[in-house]
Amino acid sequence: MYSPQVLDHFEHPRNAGTLTSPDMSAQVENLDCGDVLKLMANLDADRITEVTFLAKGCVPAIACGSALTNLIKGKTLSEARAVRREDLVRQLSELPEASSHASHLAIDALAALLKNASK
């Protein structure tokens, strides 16, 4: 049902955990299914040097949190703003249609994180 990449990110999540004193953080929830994704990041100038996530939810929600952190780590804020849902899905090879909510949750979390960076 899930691609090997989704299962790998679920079973071996990258950048899972918290940062002690993040420069920015954001948490979003999907009220329909109950999934929660929190992103935390540190910056050096405008580059994301560290990024972590905490997720509560289904297999794809955790996999999307993991894959998203891989996509944005090391990027400038401008480069991170250019990351699209399609980039995330491509990173995971594919997501079943019934799991597309997880990729939307991750991109919403990224947008909230980057909005906090401009404050």
C-alpha atoms as a PDB file:
ATOM      1  CA  MET A   1       0.000   0.000   0.000  1.00  0.00           C
ATOM      2  CA  TYR A   2       2.802   2.453   0.890  1.00  0.00           C
ATOM      3  CA  SER A   3       5.939   3.008  -1.141  1.00  0.00           C
ATOM      4  CA  PRO A   4       9.256   1.749   0.262  1.00  0.00           C
ATOM      5  CA  GLN A   5      10.267   5.405   0.771  1.00  0.00           C
ATOM      6  CA  VAL A   6       7.180   6.145   2.897  1.00  0.00           C
ATOM      7  CA  LEU A   7       7.822   3.064   5.009  1.00  0.00           C
ATOM      8  CA  ASP A   8      11.504   3.938   5.375  1.00  0.00           C
ATOM      9  CA  HIS A   9      10.719   7.478   6.601  1.00  0.00           C
ATOM     10  CA  PHE A  10       8.109   6.041   8.981  1.00  0.00           C
ATOM     11  CA  GLU A  11      10.332   3.298  10.370  1.00  0.00           C
ATOM     12  CA  HIS A  12      13.510   5.438  10.439  1.00  0.00           C
ATOM     13  CA  PRO A  13      12.345   9.044  10.729  1.00  0.00           C
ATOM     14  CA  ARG A  14      14.957  11.685  10.000  1.00  0.00           C
ATOM     15  CA  ASN A  15      15.294  14.713  12.252  1.00  0.00           C
ATOM     16  CA  ALA A  16      12.630  13.556  14.718  1.00  0.00           C
ATOM     17  CA  GLY A  17      12.655  15.273  18.098  1.00  0.00           C
ATOM     18  CA  THR A  18      12.872  18.743  19.516  1.00  0.00           C
ATOM     19  CA  LEU A  19      15.262  21.650  19.620  1.00  0.00           C
ATOM     20  CA  THR A  20      15.989  23.187  23.014  1.00  0.00           C
ATOM     21  CA  SER A  21      15.632  26.780  21.926  1.00  0.00           C
ATOM     22  CA  PRO A  22      14.491  26.948  18.289  1.00  0.00           C
ATOM     23  CA  ASP A  23      14.653  30.182  16.338  1.00  0.00           C
ATOM     24  CA  MET A  24      11.231  29.383  14.929  1.00  0.00           C
ATOM     25  CA  SER A  25       8.539  26.762  15.366  1.00  0.00           C
ATOM     26  CA  ALA A  26       5.033  26.027  14.188  1.00  0.00           C
ATOM     27  CA  GLN A  27       2.411  23.408  14.859  1.00  0.00           C
ATOM     28  CA  VAL A  28      -0.544  22.519  12.667  1.00  0.00           C
ATOM     29  CA  GLU A  29      -3.378  20.060  13.105  1.00  0.00           C
ATOM     30  CA  ASN A  30      -5.751  18.299  10.772  1.00  0.00           C
ATOM     31  CA  LEU A  31      -9.048  18.522  12.598  1.00  0.00           C
ATOM     32  CA  ASP A  32     -10.648  15.878  10.366  1.00  0.00           C
ATOM     33  CA  CYS A  33      -8.231  13.037  11.175  1.00  0.00           C
ATOM     34  CA  GLY A  34      -6.433  14.286  14.291  1.00  0.00           C
ATOM     35  CA  ASP A  35      -2.912  14.351  12.814  1.00  0.00           C
ATOM     36  CA  VAL A  36      -0.566  16.916  14.395  1.00  0.00           C
ATOM     37  CA  LEU A  37       2.777  18.083  13.010  1.00  0.00           C
ATOM     38  CA  LYS A  38       5.200  20.407  14.782  1.00  0.00           C
ATOM     39  CA  LEU A  39       8.306  21.796  13.075  1.00  0.00           C
ATOM     40  CA  MET A  40      11.203  23.512  14.872  1.00  0.00           C
ATOM     41  CA  ALA A  41      14.205  25.113  13.200  1.00  0.00           C
ATOM     42  CA  ASN A  42      17.363  27.082  13.848  1.00  0.00           C
ATOM     43  CA  LEU A  43      18.788  29.605  11.437  1.00  0.00           C
ATOM     44  CA  ASP A  44      22.190  30.977  10.594  1.00  0.00           C
ATOM     45  CA  ALA A  45      21.450  34.266   8.849  1.00  0.00           C
ATOM     46  CA  ASP A  46      18.629  33.101   6.592  1.00  0.00           C
ATOM     47  CA  ARG A  47      19.707  29.454   6.189  1.00  0.00           C
ATOM     48  CA  ILE A  48      17.974  26.583   7.997  1.00  0.00           C
ATOM     49  CA  THR A  49      20.812  24.862   9.826  1.00  0.00           C
ATOM     50  CA  GLU A  50      18.758  22.513  12.005  1.00  0.00           C
ATOM     51  CA  VAL A  51      15.197  21.325  11.662  1.00  0.00           C
ATOM     52  CA  THR A  52      13.252  18.767  13.658  1.00  0.00           C
ATOM     53  CA  PHE A  53       9.699  17.519  13.768  1.00  0.00           C
ATOM     54  CA  LEU A  54       7.251  15.886  16.124  1.00  0.00           C
ATOM     55  CA  ALA A  55       4.250  14.129  14.645  1.00  0.00           C
ATOM     56  CA  LYS A  56       1.202  12.432  16.018  1.00  0.00           C
ATOM     57  CA  GLY A  57      -0.788  10.563  13.455  1.00  0.00           C
ATOM     58  CA  CYS A  58      -0.804   8.038  10.685  1.00  0.00           C
ATOM     59  CA  VAL A  59       2.131   6.440   8.856  1.00  0.00           C
ATOM     60  CA  PRO A  60       2.075   9.030   6.023  1.00  0.00           C
ATOM     61  CA  ALA A  61       1.954  11.969   8.466  1.00  0.00           C
ATOM     62  CA  ILE A  62       5.141  10.807  10.160  1.00  0.00           C
ATOM     63  CA  ALA A  63       6.787  10.003   6.827  1.00  0.00           C
ATOM     64  CA  CYS A  64       5.879  13.441   5.446  1.00  0.00           C
ATOM     65  CA  GLY A  65       7.318  15.176   8.518  1.00  0.00           C
ATOM     66  CA  SER A  66      10.560  13.252   8.119  1.00  0.00           C
ATOM     67  CA  ALA A  67      10.837  13.808   4.359  1.00  0.00           C
ATOM     68  CA  LEU A  68       9.991  17.502   4.698  1.00  0.00           C
ATOM     69  CA  THR A  69      12.816  18.089   7.160  1.00  0.00           C
ATOM     70  CA  ASN A  70      15.213  16.454   4.689  1.00  0.00           C
ATOM     71  CA  LEU A  71      13.950  18.725   1.936  1.00  0.00           C
ATOM     72  CA  ILE A  72      14.416  22.007   3.817  1.00  0.00           C
ATOM     73  CA  LYS A  73      17.516  21.382   5.942  1.00  0.00           C
ATOM     74  CA  GLY A  74      20.362  23.520   4.619  1.00  0.00           C
ATOM     75  CA  LYS A  75      18.101  25.656   2.449  1.00  0.00           C
ATOM     76  CA  THR A  76      17.695  29.402   2.705  1.00  0.00           C
ATOM     77  CA  LEU A  77      14.295  30.685   3.769  1.00  0.00           C
ATOM     78  CA  SER A  78      13.656  31.690   0.168  1.00  0.00           C
ATOM     79  CA  GLU A  79      14.553  28.214  -1.091  1.00  0.00           C
ATOM     80  CA  ALA A  80      12.342  26.618   1.574  1.00  0.00           C
ATOM     81  CA  ARG A  81       9.441  28.828   0.479  1.00  0.00           C
ATOM     82  CA  ALA A  82       9.813  27.343  -3.003  1.00  0.00           C
ATOM     83  CA  VAL A  83       9.258  23.761  -1.753  1.00  0.00           C
ATOM     84  CA  ARG A  84       5.924  22.483  -3.026  1.00  0.00           C
ATOM     85  CA  ARG A  85       3.706  19.572  -2.125  1.00  0.00           C
ATOM     86  CA  GLU A  86       4.746  17.861  -5.353  1.00  0.00           C
ATOM     87  CA  ASP A  87       8.396  17.996  -4.209  1.00  0.00           C
ATOM     88  CA  LEU A  88       7.440  16.254  -0.976  1.00  0.00           C
ATOM     89  CA  VAL A  89       5.388  13.573  -2.724  1.00  0.00           C
ATOM     90  CA  ARG A  90       8.247  12.982  -5.176  1.00  0.00           C
ATOM     91  CA  GLN A  91      10.631  12.555  -2.207  1.00  0.00           C
ATOM     92  CA  LEU A  92       8.331   9.784  -0.959  1.00  0.00           C
ATOM     93  CA  SER A  93       7.945   8.261  -4.428  1.00  0.00           C
ATOM     94  CA  GLU A  94       4.158   8.365  -4.106  1.00  0.00           C
ATOM     95  CA  LEU A  95       1.332   8.681  -1.619  1.00  0.00           C
ATOM     96  CA  PRO A  96      -1.998   6.886  -1.910  1.00  0.00           C
ATOM     97  CA  GLU A  97      -4.841   9.319  -2.608  1.00  0.00           C
ATOM     98  CA  ALA A  98      -6.356   8.516   0.784  1.00  0.00           C
ATOM     99  CA  SER A  99      -3.095   9.698   2.382  1.00  0.00           C
ATOM    100  CA  SER A 100      -2.739  12.994   0.522  1.00  0.00           C
ATOM    101  CA  HIS A 101      -3.912  14.840   3.641  1.00  0.00           C
ATOM    102  CA  ALA A 102      -0.516  14.108   5.212  1.00  0.00           C
ATOM    103  CA  SER A 103       1.384  15.973   2.497  1.00  0.00           C
ATOM    104  CA  HIS A 104      -0.991  18.924   2.805  1.00  0.00           C
ATOM    105  CA  LEU A 105      -0.435  18.948   6.582  1.00  0.00           C
ATOM    106  CA  ALA A 106       3.341  19.005   6.096  1.00  0.00           C
ATOM    107  CA  ILE A 107       3.210  21.854   3.582  1.00  0.00           C
ATOM    108  CA  ASP A 108       0.847  23.788   5.865  1.00  0.00           C
ATOM    109  CA  ALA A 109       3.342  23.302   8.713  1.00  0.00           C
ATOM    110  CA  LEU A 110       6.151  24.560   6.493  1.00  0.00           C
ATOM    111  CA  ALA A 111       4.132  27.643   5.541  1.00  0.00           C
ATOM    112  CA  ALA A 112       3.393  28.350   9.219  1.00  0.00           C
ATOM    113  CA  LEU A 113       7.061  27.880  10.127  1.00  0.00           C
ATOM    114  CA  LEU A 114       8.227  30.263   7.432  1.00  0.00           C
ATOM    115  CA  LYS A 115       5.572  32.800   8.380  1.00  0.00           C
ATOM    116  CA  ASN A 116       7.041  32.770  11.897  1.00  0.00           C
ATOM    117  CA  ALA A 117      10.492  33.411  10.411  1.00  0.00           C
ATOM    118  CA  SER A 118       9.378  36.757   9.047  1.00  0.00           C
ATOM    119  CA  LYS A 119       8.293  38.048  12.473  1.00  0.00           C
END
